Amino acid sequence: MTFEAVVAALPQDFDMDEIEYNAAIKILAVNMDEPPEPPPQVERTAPRALMIDKNPDGHSLVQPKSLEKIEAARAPQPEPSPVTTAKAAPEPVMTAFEANAAILKAQNRLGEARIRVQRARDAKMKAQGALADAITAWQNGQEPYSQENLIRDHLKSEQEKRRQRIEGGIPPQVKPRGGSAIDIAAAYSKDNSPEGFARSRMQNGRSRGAFSKIAQHQINYDPRRGPVGKPPVKA
């Protein structure tokens, strides 16, 4: 075994010089020359002085007093039948892809089950509502007053009020608004926010008092609307 052969057999990141190589060879040679240590000897028999020759009753353990007290040999007992245990099933080994697919499949089943539960709850609520309406109709002797009947009666009353105003000579209420589509949408907007209220009050359009399109390239003579141009001088 040469130094070059040892360096070639070692990993590339293992740095070794000739001094370390010579020291390692000397250590190996010393260990090989020494005889191996003998295994520890275990004394299998205790000394005579430490052995017990009498039992607690005082009888000698070396030779019994009488052979009549020796218990007869027992009949051989049958060996217990070995308990057969079923082999444990090996744990299934799954890859990461299979585990992710199983998780997604379980999540899909859970989502579908939640949808079915929600549909069952909706059907239960509708059935309870129908039962309550039937009980109310049975108690009052007439059909329950539904939301559709409420809307129909409200429209009917509003039309009757409008007819009475027209017949009395009162002009119908007209909400002031601009003529453009944006002004109409702003006037009849359903937005209840502050911005929606401001848009609904734009009676002169969304310009907020600015000049209209027809005032382009025209001289302003109204001081309320900004700088006033110099009036023309009459000849």
Protein backbone atom coordinates (compact mmCIF):
# COMPACT_ATOMS: atom_id res chain seq x y z
CA MET A 1 0.00 0.00 0.00
CA THR A 2 1.73 3.15 -1.21
CA PHE A 3 0.99 6.78 -0.40
CA GLU A 4 -0.34 7.44 -3.94
CA ALA A 5 -2.69 4.45 -3.77
CA VAL A 6 -4.05 5.61 -0.37
CA VAL A 7 -4.62 9.18 -1.66
CA ALA A 8 -6.40 7.84 -4.76
CA ALA A 9 -8.69 5.68 -2.60
CA LEU A 10 -9.61 8.53 -0.25
CA PRO A 11 -12.38 11.09 -1.09
CA GLN A 12 -11.38 14.17 -3.03
CA ASP A 13 -12.10 16.55 -0.14
CA PHE A 14 -9.87 14.49 2.23
CA ASP A 15 -6.45 16.18 2.42
CA MET A 16 -3.56 13.94 3.52
CA ASP A 17 0.18 14.49 3.41
CA GLU A 18 3.08 12.04 3.69
CA ILE A 19 3.68 12.78 7.40
CA GLU A 20 0.14 11.80 8.32
CA TYR A 21 0.42 8.72 6.07
CA ASN A 22 3.64 7.51 7.78
CA ALA A 23 2.15 8.06 11.26
CA ALA A 24 -0.97 6.10 10.37
CA ILE A 25 1.13 3.20 9.00
CA LYS A 26 3.18 3.08 12.23
CA ILE A 27 0.06 2.99 14.39
CA LEU A 28 -1.41 0.16 12.32
CA ALA A 29 1.85 -1.82 12.52
CA VAL A 30 1.98 -1.48 16.32
CA ASN A 31 -1.60 -2.63 16.72
CA MET A 32 -1.03 -5.63 14.48
CA ASP A 33 2.11 -6.74 16.40
CA GLU A 34 0.42 -6.74 19.84
CA PRO A 35 -1.34 -10.01 20.77
CA PRO A 36 -5.08 -9.77 21.22
CA GLU A 37 -6.32 -9.44 24.77
CA PRO A 38 -7.82 -12.67 26.17
CA PRO A 39 -11.54 -12.56 26.91
CA PRO A 40 -12.44 -12.15 30.53
CA GLN A 41 -12.72 -15.48 32.34
CA VAL A 42 -16.01 -15.99 34.12
CA GLU A 43 -15.88 -18.27 37.11
CA ARG A 44 -18.79 -20.65 36.60
CA THR A 45 -18.52 -22.45 39.95
CA ALA A 46 -18.67 -20.66 43.26
CA PRO A 47 -16.14 -21.45 45.98
CA ARG A 48 -17.01 -24.21 48.37
CA ALA A 49 -17.07 -21.84 51.33
CA LEU A 50 -19.81 -19.73 49.77
CA MET A 51 -22.18 -22.62 48.96
CA ILE A 52 -25.27 -23.25 51.16
CA ASP A 53 -25.44 -26.81 52.49
CA LYS A 54 -28.70 -26.50 54.47
CA ASN A 55 -32.18 -25.27 53.74
CA PRO A 56 -34.19 -23.08 56.16
CA ASP A 57 -35.73 -26.22 57.78
CA GLY A 58 -32.29 -27.45 58.79
CA HIS A 59 -32.20 -30.38 56.35
CA SER A 60 -29.01 -31.07 54.52
CA LEU A 61 -28.94 -30.26 50.83
CA VAL A 62 -26.19 -32.77 50.14
CA GLN A 63 -28.02 -35.94 51.14
CA PRO A 64 -31.69 -36.11 52.23
CA LYS A 65 -32.62 -37.88 55.49
CA SER A 66 -35.04 -40.26 53.90
CA LEU A 67 -35.87 -41.27 50.37
CA GLU A 68 -39.59 -41.52 51.26
CA LYS A 69 -39.95 -37.73 51.41
CA ILE A 70 -38.69 -37.30 47.91
CA GLU A 71 -41.54 -36.26 45.66
CA ALA A 72 -42.38 -38.72 42.92
CA ALA A 73 -41.68 -37.77 39.38
CA ARG A 74 -44.53 -35.87 37.84
CA ALA A 75 -46.21 -36.98 34.68
CA PRO A 76 -45.17 -34.99 31.62
CA GLN A 77 -47.54 -32.11 31.04
CA PRO A 78 -48.65 -31.32 27.50
CA GLU A 79 -47.07 -28.25 26.10
CA PRO A 80 -49.47 -25.33 25.58
CA SER A 81 -50.55 -24.84 22.04
CA PRO A 82 -48.80 -21.92 20.45
CA VAL A 83 -51.01 -18.86 20.06
CA THR A 84 -51.39 -18.13 16.43
CA THR A 85 -51.22 -14.43 15.85
CA ALA A 86 -52.21 -12.88 12.59
CA LYS A 87 -49.44 -11.14 10.81
CA ALA A 88 -49.72 -7.42 10.96
CA ALA A 89 -50.61 -5.94 7.64
CA PRO A 90 -47.78 -3.91 6.21
CA GLU A 91 -48.30 -0.19 6.31
CA PRO A 92 -49.21 1.21 2.91
CA VAL A 93 -46.48 3.23 1.32
CA MET A 94 -47.69 6.23 -0.73
CA THR A 95 -45.79 8.69 -2.81
CA ALA A 96 -46.19 12.43 -2.42
CA PHE A 97 -48.25 12.61 -5.61
CA GLU A 98 -50.63 9.88 -4.44
CA ALA A 99 -50.98 11.52 -1.01
CA ASN A 100 -51.85 14.90 -2.59
CA ALA A 101 -54.37 13.23 -4.89
CA ALA A 102 -55.99 11.48 -1.91
CA ILE A 103 -56.19 14.76 0.02
CA LEU A 104 -57.79 16.58 -2.93
CA LYS A 105 -60.28 13.76 -3.40
CA ALA A 106 -61.24 13.88 0.28
CA GLN A 107 -61.62 17.67 0.14
CA ASN A 108 -63.89 17.38 -2.90
CA ARG A 109 -66.05 14.81 -1.10
CA LEU A 110 -66.23 17.12 1.92
CA GLY A 111 -67.30 20.07 -0.25
CA GLU A 112 -70.00 18.03 -1.96
CA ALA A 113 -71.26 16.80 1.41
CA ARG A 114 -71.46 20.38 2.70
CA ILE A 115 -73.47 21.40 -0.38
CA ARG A 116 -75.90 18.53 0.19
CA VAL A 117 -76.26 19.51 3.85
CA GLN A 118 -76.96 23.15 2.90
CA ARG A 119 -79.57 22.08 0.35
CA ALA A 120 -81.21 19.86 2.94
CA ARG A 121 -81.33 22.79 5.38
CA ASP A 122 -82.90 25.06 2.74
CA ALA A 123 -85.52 22.44 1.94
CA LYS A 124 -86.25 22.05 5.65
CA MET A 125 -86.66 25.82 6.09
CA LYS A 126 -89.00 26.02 3.07
CA ALA A 127 -91.04 23.12 4.42
CA GLN A 128 -91.26 24.80 7.83
CA GLY A 129 -92.36 28.07 6.17
CA ALA A 130 -95.04 26.27 4.17
CA LEU A 131 -96.22 24.53 7.33
CA ALA A 132 -96.41 27.86 9.19
CA ASP A 133 -98.40 29.45 6.32
CA ALA A 134 -100.79 26.51 6.28
CA ILE A 135 -101.32 26.77 10.04
CA THR A 136 -101.91 30.54 9.78
CA ALA A 137 -104.40 30.09 6.93
CA TRP A 138 -106.22 27.39 8.91
CA GLN A 139 -106.40 29.62 12.00
CA ASN A 140 -107.51 32.79 10.14
CA GLY A 141 -109.64 31.12 7.56
CA GLN A 142 -107.83 32.85 4.68
CA GLU A 143 -104.53 32.73 2.84
CA PRO A 144 -101.50 34.37 4.51
CA TYR A 145 -100.48 37.87 3.42
CA SER A 146 -97.35 37.26 1.36
CA GLN A 147 -94.72 39.70 0.14
CA GLU A 148 -96.13 39.57 -3.36
CA ASN A 149 -99.53 40.70 -2.07
CA LEU A 150 -97.83 43.52 -0.15
CA ILE A 151 -96.05 44.82 -3.28
CA ARG A 152 -99.21 44.56 -5.35
CA ASP A 153 -101.26 46.52 -2.82
CA HIS A 154 -98.55 49.17 -2.47
CA LEU A 155 -98.45 49.78 -6.23
CA LYS A 156 -102.22 49.89 -6.35
CA SER A 157 -102.37 52.51 -3.61
CA GLU A 158 -99.68 54.65 -5.24
CA GLN A 159 -101.52 54.59 -8.55
CA GLU A 160 -104.73 55.61 -6.79
CA LYS A 161 -103.00 58.56 -5.10
CA ARG A 162 -101.55 59.70 -8.43
CA ARG A 163 -104.98 59.48 -10.09
CA GLN A 164 -106.52 61.60 -7.35
CA ARG A 165 -103.83 64.28 -7.69
CA ILE A 166 -104.31 64.47 -11.46
CA GLU A 167 -108.08 64.71 -11.13
CA GLY A 168 -107.70 67.45 -8.50
CA GLY A 169 -105.58 69.60 -10.80
CA ILE A 170 -102.32 69.08 -8.93
CA PRO A 171 -99.43 68.63 -11.37
CA PRO A 172 -97.47 65.41 -10.91
CA GLN A 173 -94.27 65.64 -8.96
CA VAL A 174 -91.28 65.96 -11.24
CA LYS A 175 -87.77 65.50 -9.95
CA PRO A 176 -85.40 68.12 -11.38
CA ARG A 177 -82.61 66.55 -13.38
CA GLY A 178 -80.38 67.15 -16.35
CA GLY A 179 -81.12 66.00 -19.86
CA SER A 180 -78.17 63.68 -20.39
CA ALA A 181 -78.16 59.99 -19.62
CA ILE A 182 -75.57 60.53 -16.89
CA ASP A 183 -77.72 63.19 -15.20
CA ILE A 184 -80.78 60.93 -15.33
CA ALA A 185 -78.84 58.03 -13.84
CA ALA A 186 -77.46 60.33 -11.12
CA ALA A 187 -80.90 61.76 -10.30
CA TYR A 188 -82.53 58.36 -9.90
CA SER A 189 -79.51 56.66 -8.36
CA LYS A 190 -80.10 54.10 -5.63
CA ASP A 191 -76.69 54.65 -4.04
CA ASN A 192 -77.14 55.58 -0.35
CA SER A 193 -73.52 56.55 0.20
CA PRO A 194 -72.43 60.22 0.48
CA GLU A 195 -71.00 60.07 -3.04
CA GLY A 196 -74.28 58.73 -4.37
CA PHE A 197 -76.24 61.51 -2.64
CA ALA A 198 -73.91 64.14 -4.15
CA ARG A 199 -74.38 62.65 -7.63
CA SER A 200 -78.16 62.61 -7.22
CA ARG A 201 -78.10 66.35 -6.37
CA MET A 202 -76.21 67.34 -9.54
CA GLN A 203 -79.20 69.07 -11.09
CA ASN A 204 -77.04 71.02 -13.54
CA GLY A 205 -75.05 68.00 -14.66
CA ARG A 206 -71.77 66.56 -13.45
CA SER A 207 -69.84 69.75 -14.30
CA ARG A 208 -70.51 71.27 -10.82
CA GLY A 209 -70.98 74.77 -12.23
CA ALA A 210 -68.28 74.68 -14.91
CA PHE A 211 -68.81 75.98 -18.41
CA SER A 212 -70.78 73.85 -20.82
CA LYS A 213 -69.61 72.73 -24.24
CA ILE A 214 -71.31 75.65 -26.02
CA ALA A 215 -69.25 78.16 -23.96
CA GLN A 216 -65.99 77.01 -25.51
CA HIS A 217 -63.97 79.87 -27.09
CA GLN A 218 -66.47 82.38 -25.65
CA ILE A 219 -65.66 85.39 -23.43
CA ASN A 220 -67.07 85.23 -19.87
CA TYR A 221 -69.01 88.28 -18.75
CA ASP A 222 -70.38 86.74 -15.54
CA PRO A 223 -68.20 87.56 -12.48
CA ARG A 224 -69.80 84.68 -10.54
CA ARG A 225 -68.21 82.18 -12.90
CA GLY A 226 -64.64 83.37 -12.90
CA PRO A 227 -62.49 86.05 -14.52
CA VAL A 228 -64.43 88.46 -16.69
CA GLY A 229 -63.20 89.46 -20.10
CA LYS A 230 -62.91 93.08 -21.20
CA PRO A 231 -66.15 94.16 -22.86
CA PRO A 232 -65.85 95.28 -26.45
CA VAL A 233 -65.54 99.03 -27.08
CA LYS A 234 -68.37 100.51 -29.09
CA ALA A 235 -67.27 102.59 -32.02
